Amino acid sequence: MSVRFTLEKRTNKFGECPIRLSWSFGGRRYQTTIGYSINEADWDEKNSLVKPKMKNQNGQSADDINFYIKRIGLVVTSIEQHFVGKEKALDTDTMKHAISDALSKDIARPEDILERCLEGWESLPEIKTGYYKDQAGRYYKLICDAKDRHHSGRSYVVQQLFGKRDREIVLENYFMPFFKKVSFEEVYGHRSPSSM
């Protein structure tokens, strides 16, 4: 498999090492941490999984973490099977979005992520697609500009993470003051998606 999972050498304040993935395909390489950390002694290096019955400092179990490691593997396999022989079509931005979707709960199956990959992700002309938090502490993914779907001023399509997961259109004059941009690490590094 062209995606590998390893522990970083650096540790967090609890002495845990972040889990890093490295995905290489068609001369392109995408690397990131997946939002989970574990003690080095609890990592099965041969199988690239957390040892059974272990938990990290955040209470995330081996089952939870291994679920996402295996899910990423399925997503990568689905995408690579489609792109064999046309490797140049799979760019690092698409790889990044595929991993992001694999770690979220808003896309159910690897096949759905592949379908989005083939359609292409919409990007905003002035704001990069990213993660936001509203004043109530709910996390959202900014999907795209909604200018073609809504005619009363500038608006955006957002999708709630961990909750009802519905997409909705919000007007710019509501979005800008009430949604604060946050990092991928904040969304997935300090919250267990399986506990939402």
C-alpha atoms as a PDB file:
ATOM      1  CA  MET A   1       0.000   0.000   0.000  1.00  0.00           C
ATOM      2  CA  SER A   2       1.297   3.477  -0.833  1.00  0.00           C
ATOM      3  CA  VAL A   3       0.046   5.040   2.396  1.00  0.00           C
ATOM      4  CA  ARG A   4       2.179   4.495   5.492  1.00  0.00           C
ATOM      5  CA  PHE A   5       1.452   5.266   9.134  1.00  0.00           C
ATOM      6  CA  THR A   6       4.297   6.009  11.534  1.00  0.00           C
ATOM      7  CA  LEU A   7       4.823   7.753  14.845  1.00  0.00           C
ATOM      8  CA  GLU A   8       6.530  11.118  14.853  1.00  0.00           C
ATOM      9  CA  LYS A   9       9.666  11.410  16.972  1.00  0.00           C
ATOM     10  CA  ARG A  10       8.388  14.534  18.739  1.00  0.00           C
ATOM     11  CA  THR A  11       6.038  14.098  21.689  1.00  0.00           C
ATOM     12  CA  ASN A  12       3.231  16.221  23.103  1.00  0.00           C
ATOM     13  CA  LYS A  13       3.003  17.370  26.729  1.00  0.00           C
ATOM     14  CA  PHE A  14       1.651  13.934  27.712  1.00  0.00           C
ATOM     15  CA  GLY A  15       4.611  12.124  26.165  1.00  0.00           C
ATOM     16  CA  GLU A  16       2.523  10.810  23.271  1.00  0.00           C
ATOM     17  CA  CYS A  17       3.671  10.782  19.633  1.00  0.00           C
ATOM     18  CA  PRO A  18       1.381  12.047  16.863  1.00  0.00           C
ATOM     19  CA  ILE A  19       0.433   9.465  14.231  1.00  0.00           C
ATOM     20  CA  ARG A  20       1.630  10.584  10.793  1.00  0.00           C
ATOM     21  CA  LEU A  21       0.553   9.358   7.396  1.00  0.00           C
ATOM     22  CA  SER A  22       2.592   9.569   4.223  1.00  0.00           C
ATOM     23  CA  TRP A  23       0.798   8.917   0.921  1.00  0.00           C
ATOM     24  CA  SER A  24       2.854   8.604  -2.264  1.00  0.00           C
ATOM     25  CA  PHE A  25       1.309   8.073  -5.671  1.00  0.00           C
ATOM     26  CA  GLY A  26       2.309   8.974  -9.226  1.00  0.00           C
ATOM     27  CA  GLY A  27       5.302  11.014  -8.131  1.00  0.00           C
ATOM     28  CA  ARG A  28       3.233  13.043  -5.661  1.00  0.00           C
ATOM     29  CA  ARG A  29       3.464  12.830  -1.907  1.00  0.00           C
ATOM     30  CA  TYR A  30       1.113  14.069   0.796  1.00  0.00           C
ATOM     31  CA  GLN A  31       2.014  13.962   4.490  1.00  0.00           C
ATOM     32  CA  THR A  32       0.040  14.988   7.556  1.00  0.00           C
ATOM     33  CA  THR A  33      -0.746  13.941  11.093  1.00  0.00           C
ATOM     34  CA  ILE A  34      -4.170  12.334  11.477  1.00  0.00           C
ATOM     35  CA  GLY A  35      -5.208  14.060  14.694  1.00  0.00           C
ATOM     36  CA  TYR A  36      -4.409  11.211  17.090  1.00  0.00           C
ATOM     37  CA  SER A  37      -1.437  10.647  19.407  1.00  0.00           C
ATOM     38  CA  ILE A  38      -0.386   7.526  21.302  1.00  0.00           C
ATOM     39  CA  ASN A  39       2.440   6.379  23.578  1.00  0.00           C
ATOM     40  CA  GLU A  40       5.260   4.758  21.623  1.00  0.00           C
ATOM     41  CA  ALA A  41       4.896   1.572  23.709  1.00  0.00           C
ATOM     42  CA  ASP A  42       1.239   1.283  22.601  1.00  0.00           C
ATOM     43  CA  TRP A  43       2.060   1.377  18.863  1.00  0.00           C
ATOM     44  CA  ASP A  44       2.303  -1.833  16.819  1.00  0.00           C
ATOM     45  CA  GLU A  45       4.962  -0.772  14.309  1.00  0.00           C
ATOM     46  CA  LYS A  46       4.734  -3.958  12.235  1.00  0.00           C
ATOM     47  CA  ASN A  47       0.997  -3.555  11.553  1.00  0.00           C
ATOM     48  CA  SER A  48       0.926   0.268  11.806  1.00  0.00           C
ATOM     49  CA  LEU A  49      -1.925   0.130  14.320  1.00  0.00           C
ATOM     50  CA  VAL A  50      -2.505   0.889  17.990  1.00  0.00           C
ATOM     51  CA  LYS A  51      -2.161  -2.197  20.174  1.00  0.00           C
ATOM     52  CA  PRO A  52      -5.527  -3.624  21.352  1.00  0.00           C
ATOM     53  CA  LYS A  53      -7.133  -2.305  24.538  1.00  0.00           C
ATOM     54  CA  MET A  54      -4.875   0.777  24.690  1.00  0.00           C
ATOM     55  CA  LYS A  55      -6.105   4.360  25.151  1.00  0.00           C
ATOM     56  CA  ASN A  56      -4.434   7.702  24.763  1.00  0.00           C
ATOM     57  CA  GLN A  57      -4.497  10.670  27.137  1.00  0.00           C
ATOM     58  CA  ASN A  58      -7.755  11.922  25.529  1.00  0.00           C
ATOM     59  CA  GLY A  59      -9.478   8.594  26.233  1.00  0.00           C
ATOM     60  CA  GLN A  60      -9.529   7.639  22.552  1.00  0.00           C
ATOM     61  CA  SER A  61      -9.393   3.850  22.319  1.00  0.00           C
ATOM     62  CA  ALA A  62      -7.331   1.636  20.047  1.00  0.00           C
ATOM     63  CA  ASP A  63     -10.582   0.642  18.302  1.00  0.00           C
ATOM     64  CA  ASP A  64     -11.452   4.287  17.564  1.00  0.00           C
ATOM     65  CA  ILE A  65      -8.010   5.197  16.260  1.00  0.00           C
ATOM     66  CA  ASN A  66      -7.549   1.975  14.282  1.00  0.00           C
ATOM     67  CA  PHE A  67     -10.973   2.480  12.681  1.00  0.00           C
ATOM     68  CA  TYR A  68      -9.741   5.715  11.096  1.00  0.00           C
ATOM     69  CA  ILE A  69      -6.374   4.249  10.096  1.00  0.00           C
ATOM     70  CA  LYS A  70      -8.171   1.403   8.283  1.00  0.00           C
ATOM     71  CA  ARG A  71     -10.732   3.801   6.810  1.00  0.00           C
ATOM     72  CA  ILE A  72      -7.962   5.932   5.323  1.00  0.00           C
ATOM     73  CA  GLY A  73      -6.448   2.775   3.854  1.00  0.00           C
ATOM     74  CA  LEU A  74      -9.765   1.886   2.169  1.00  0.00           C
ATOM     75  CA  VAL A  75     -10.167   5.414   0.805  1.00  0.00           C
ATOM     76  CA  VAL A  76      -6.611   5.451  -0.578  1.00  0.00           C
ATOM     77  CA  THR A  77      -7.118   2.024  -2.199  1.00  0.00           C
ATOM     78  CA  SER A  78     -10.415   3.116  -3.818  1.00  0.00           C
ATOM     79  CA  ILE A  79      -8.877   6.282  -5.221  1.00  0.00           C
ATOM     80  CA  GLU A  80      -5.684   4.649  -6.445  1.00  0.00           C
ATOM     81  CA  GLN A  81      -7.573   1.864  -8.226  1.00  0.00           C
ATOM     82  CA  HIS A  82      -9.370   4.503 -10.250  1.00  0.00           C
ATOM     83  CA  PHE A  83      -6.266   6.555 -10.996  1.00  0.00           C
ATOM     84  CA  VAL A  84      -3.934   3.707 -12.021  1.00  0.00           C
ATOM     85  CA  GLY A  85      -2.410   4.688 -15.364  1.00  0.00           C
ATOM     86  CA  LYS A  86      -3.468   8.321 -15.016  1.00  0.00           C
ATOM     87  CA  GLU A  87      -1.474   9.249 -11.932  1.00  0.00           C
ATOM     88  CA  LYS A  88      -1.020  12.887 -12.920  1.00  0.00           C
ATOM     89  CA  ALA A  89      -4.758  13.486 -12.471  1.00  0.00           C
ATOM     90  CA  LEU A  90      -4.428  12.847  -8.729  1.00  0.00           C
ATOM     91  CA  ASP A  91      -2.935  16.038  -7.307  1.00  0.00           C
ATOM     92  CA  THR A  92      -1.869  16.738  -3.723  1.00  0.00           C
ATOM     93  CA  ASP A  93      -4.879  19.002  -3.087  1.00  0.00           C
ATOM     94  CA  THR A  94      -7.223  16.129  -3.947  1.00  0.00           C
ATOM     95  CA  MET A  95      -5.169  13.782  -1.750  1.00  0.00           C
ATOM     96  CA  LYS A  96      -5.495  16.257   1.125  1.00  0.00           C
ATOM     97  CA  HIS A  97      -9.280  16.521   0.745  1.00  0.00           C
ATOM     98  CA  ALA A  98      -9.663  12.737   0.516  1.00  0.00           C
ATOM     99  CA  ILE A  99      -7.819  12.274   3.826  1.00  0.00           C
ATOM    100  CA  SER A 100      -9.846  15.067   5.430  1.00  0.00           C
ATOM    101  CA  ASP A 101     -13.091  13.376   4.376  1.00  0.00           C
ATOM    102  CA  ALA A 102     -11.826   9.977   5.539  1.00  0.00           C
ATOM    103  CA  LEU A 103     -11.324  11.430   9.031  1.00  0.00           C
ATOM    104  CA  SER A 104     -14.732  13.107   9.195  1.00  0.00           C
ATOM    105  CA  LYS A 105     -18.165  11.659   9.775  1.00  0.00           C
ATOM    106  CA  ASP A 106     -19.944  13.644   7.073  1.00  0.00           C
ATOM    107  CA  ILE A 107     -18.974  11.202   4.275  1.00  0.00           C
ATOM    108  CA  ALA A 108     -20.081   7.643   4.933  1.00  0.00           C
ATOM    109  CA  ARG A 109     -18.203   5.360   2.523  1.00  0.00           C
ATOM    110  CA  PRO A 110     -14.900   5.271   0.638  1.00  0.00           C
ATOM    111  CA  GLU A 111     -16.963   5.093  -2.571  1.00  0.00           C
ATOM    112  CA  ASP A 112     -18.593   8.439  -1.699  1.00  0.00           C
ATOM    113  CA  ILE A 113     -15.181  10.018  -1.157  1.00  0.00           C
ATOM    114  CA  LEU A 114     -14.004   8.644  -4.506  1.00  0.00           C
ATOM    115  CA  GLU A 115     -17.088  10.129  -6.171  1.00  0.00           C
ATOM    116  CA  ARG A 116     -16.301  13.536  -4.688  1.00  0.00           C
ATOM    117  CA  CYS A 117     -12.711  13.100  -5.804  1.00  0.00           C
ATOM    118  CA  LEU A 118     -13.825  12.487  -9.395  1.00  0.00           C
ATOM    119  CA  GLU A 119     -16.219  15.447  -9.331  1.00  0.00           C
ATOM    120  CA  GLY A 120     -13.511  17.689  -7.926  1.00  0.00           C
ATOM    121  CA  TRP A 121     -13.769  19.845  -4.827  1.00  0.00           C
ATOM    122  CA  GLU A 122     -15.115  23.329  -5.337  1.00  0.00           C
ATOM    123  CA  SER A 123     -12.845  26.090  -4.109  1.00  0.00           C
ATOM    124  CA  LEU A 124     -13.819  29.563  -3.077  1.00  0.00           C
ATOM    125  CA  PRO A 125     -12.528  32.534  -5.077  1.00  0.00           C
ATOM    126  CA  GLU A 126     -11.461  34.528  -2.021  1.00  0.00           C
ATOM    127  CA  ILE A 127     -11.709  32.154   0.944  1.00  0.00           C
ATOM    128  CA  LYS A 128     -10.050  28.752   0.998  1.00  0.00           C
ATOM    129  CA  THR A 129     -12.256  25.851   1.970  1.00  0.00           C
ATOM    130  CA  GLY A 130     -11.614  25.226   5.644  1.00  0.00           C
ATOM    131  CA  TYR A 131     -12.974  24.558   9.100  1.00  0.00           C
ATOM    132  CA  TYR A 132     -14.958  26.959  11.274  1.00  0.00           C
ATOM    133  CA  LYS A 133     -16.570  27.046  14.707  1.00  0.00           C
ATOM    134  CA  ASP A 134     -19.729  28.984  15.532  1.00  0.00           C
ATOM    135  CA  GLN A 135     -20.483  30.788  18.792  1.00  0.00           C
ATOM    136  CA  ALA A 136     -22.204  27.697  20.204  1.00  0.00           C
ATOM    137  CA  GLY A 137     -18.987  25.659  19.750  1.00  0.00           C
ATOM    138  CA  ARG A 138     -20.240  23.607  16.789  1.00  0.00           C
ATOM    139  CA  TYR A 139     -17.727  22.762  14.061  1.00  0.00           C
ATOM    140  CA  TYR A 140     -18.405  23.303  10.374  1.00  0.00           C
ATOM    141  CA  LYS A 141     -16.661  22.632   7.098  1.00  0.00           C
ATOM    142  CA  LEU A 142     -16.864  25.435   4.540  1.00  0.00           C
ATOM    143  CA  ILE A 143     -17.752  23.708   1.270  1.00  0.00           C
ATOM    144  CA  CYS A 144     -18.010  26.411  -1.383  1.00  0.00           C
ATOM    145  CA  ASP A 145     -19.331  29.783  -2.430  1.00  0.00           C
ATOM    146  CA  ALA A 146     -23.116  29.671  -2.865  1.00  0.00           C
ATOM    147  CA  LYS A 147     -23.417  32.609  -5.248  1.00  0.00           C
ATOM    148  CA  ASP A 148     -25.130  30.477  -7.896  1.00  0.00           C
ATOM    149  CA  ARG A 149     -27.595  28.998  -5.401  1.00  0.00           C
ATOM    150  CA  HIS A 150     -28.700  32.077  -3.511  1.00  0.00           C
ATOM    151  CA  HIS A 151     -29.465  35.490  -4.958  1.00  0.00           C
ATOM    152  CA  SER A 152     -29.745  37.807  -1.962  1.00  0.00           C
ATOM    153  CA  GLY A 153     -26.089  38.711  -1.446  1.00  0.00           C
ATOM    154  CA  ARG A 154     -22.921  36.711  -1.030  1.00  0.00           C
ATOM    155  CA  SER A 155     -23.377  33.404   0.746  1.00  0.00           C
ATOM    156  CA  TYR A 156     -21.611  30.123   1.483  1.00  0.00           C
ATOM    157  CA  VAL A 157     -22.448  26.437   1.703  1.00  0.00           C
ATOM    158  CA  VAL A 158     -21.372  25.000   5.060  1.00  0.00           C
ATOM    159  CA  GLN A 159     -21.712  21.514   6.500  1.00  0.00           C
ATOM    160  CA  GLN A 160     -21.936  20.792  10.201  1.00  0.00           C
ATOM    161  CA  LEU A 161     -19.454  18.208  11.499  1.00  0.00           C
ATOM    162  CA  PHE A 162     -20.245  15.685  14.245  1.00  0.00           C
ATOM    163  CA  GLY A 163     -23.878  16.821  14.469  1.00  0.00           C
ATOM    164  CA  LYS A 164     -26.744  16.548  12.035  1.00  0.00           C
ATOM    165  CA  ARG A 165     -24.262  16.878   9.126  1.00  0.00           C
ATOM    166  CA  ASP A 166     -26.731  18.778   6.924  1.00  0.00           C
ATOM    167  CA  ARG A 167     -25.460  21.279   4.399  1.00  0.00           C
ATOM    168  CA  GLU A 168     -26.896  24.752   4.636  1.00  0.00           C
ATOM    169  CA  ILE A 169     -26.469  28.142   3.025  1.00  0.00           C
ATOM    170  CA  VAL A 170     -25.440  31.053   5.244  1.00  0.00           C
ATOM    171  CA  LEU A 171     -25.299  34.704   4.219  1.00  0.00           C
ATOM    172  CA  GLU A 172     -21.964  36.503   4.398  1.00  0.00           C
ATOM    173  CA  ASN A 173     -23.234  39.069   6.929  1.00  0.00           C
ATOM    174  CA  TYR A 174     -24.081  36.148   9.251  1.00  0.00           C
ATOM    175  CA  PHE A 175     -21.103  33.954   8.419  1.00  0.00           C
ATOM    176  CA  MET A 176     -18.343  36.523   8.906  1.00  0.00           C
ATOM    177  CA  PRO A 177     -19.126  37.665  12.479  1.00  0.00           C
ATOM    178  CA  PHE A 178     -20.399  34.367  13.892  1.00  0.00           C
ATOM    179  CA  PHE A 179     -18.007  31.779  12.423  1.00  0.00           C
ATOM    180  CA  LYS A 180     -14.371  31.697  13.552  1.00  0.00           C
ATOM    181  CA  LYS A 181     -11.792  29.897  11.387  1.00  0.00           C
ATOM    182  CA  VAL A 182     -10.063  26.991  13.164  1.00  0.00           C
ATOM    183  CA  SER A 183      -7.430  24.465  12.139  1.00  0.00           C
ATOM    184  CA  PHE A 184      -7.934  20.849  11.123  1.00  0.00           C
ATOM    185  CA  GLU A 185      -5.896  19.919  14.219  1.00  0.00           C
ATOM    186  CA  GLU A 186      -8.332  21.747  16.513  1.00  0.00           C
ATOM    187  CA  VAL A 187     -11.312  19.986  14.956  1.00  0.00           C
ATOM    188  CA  TYR A 188      -9.869  16.464  15.007  1.00  0.00           C
ATOM    189  CA  GLY A 189      -6.903  16.655  17.391  1.00  0.00           C
ATOM    190  CA  HIS A 190      -8.777  17.432  20.586  1.00  0.00           C
ATOM    191  CA  ARG A 191     -12.148  15.832  19.875  1.00  0.00           C
ATOM    192  CA  SER A 192     -12.879  12.188  19.234  1.00  0.00           C
ATOM    193  CA  PRO A 193     -15.069  11.973  16.102  1.00  0.00           C
ATOM    194  CA  SER A 194     -16.456   8.640  17.306  1.00  0.00           C
ATOM    195  CA  SER A 195     -17.715  10.252  20.510  1.00  0.00           C
ATOM    196  CA  MET A 196     -19.718  12.958  18.729  1.00  0.00           C
END
